[in-house]
Amino acid sequence: MSLPEIVSRERWRTAREELLAKEKAVTRARDELSAERRGLPMVEIAEEYVFDGGDGKATLLDLFDGRPQLVVHHFMFAPEWEAGCRGCSAFLDQVGHLAHLKARGTSFVVVSRAPFPRILPFKARMGWMLPWYSSHDNGFNHDFEVTQEQSGQFVERSGLSCFLRDGDRVFHTYSTHGRGLDGLGSATSLLDLTALGRQEGWEEPKGRASGLGAPAGGAPVRYHDEYEF
């Protein structure tokens, strides 16, 4: 196995400072990309999708749970599968406590095409408490291009989609698939995909969260059991 070169502390510090300059450049570029993402136009959702969940039937608007934003994880779980996708499962294992998203007016849910009774035992096996819904009886997966027909067969792919609501109107703002999920899972990484972002003062465009029910200026970070919803 090839290991890193062994050097003195002084040479290590020099090399580290050179790399740090590049890391800071990537951070600035990522912030600029997130701002550009927040500048994307949005599409109003006219379809009345109805999902199956733990509390019965739910519309796409219901999935917001009263918050301005919604992030949907398109989890690969076809109706005929006995268990969900391993890669999607590894991603969900990395999603942090949802309180930090909720404090910033953002709900997170999982949606799969498998019938809800098939999802339940797998969810229990994995020990997840995340809200999970079945799109088995609607065209949600097809419309958001995570279930595609190829050579007469349906093919699943993973993804994330972000939605924004204004009253009872729901808008699609962003989607990413496959490698686009690499490095995501933390609250800040998911918020960076949304139209309202982290809702912090340094973000562009300014004042994006005003009037949409999101916390003014962003909610201060707290222990997850200290937030008040």
Foldseek 3Di string as FASTA:
>chain_A
DDDDDDDDPVVVVVVVVVVVVVVVVVVVVLLVVLLVLLVFDWAWDPDFQWWQWPVGIDTPLVQLVPFFKEKEKEWEDAQPDQETDPVSLVLQVQADDCLQQVLQRYAYEYEYQHHPVSVVVNCVVSVDPGTYIHRVPHCVCVVVVQWDADPNDTDGWIKMWMWGDDVSIIITRDMDTDCVCPPDRYSQRVLSNYSCHQLACVHPPPPSCPPSPGDHRHDDDDPSVPDDD
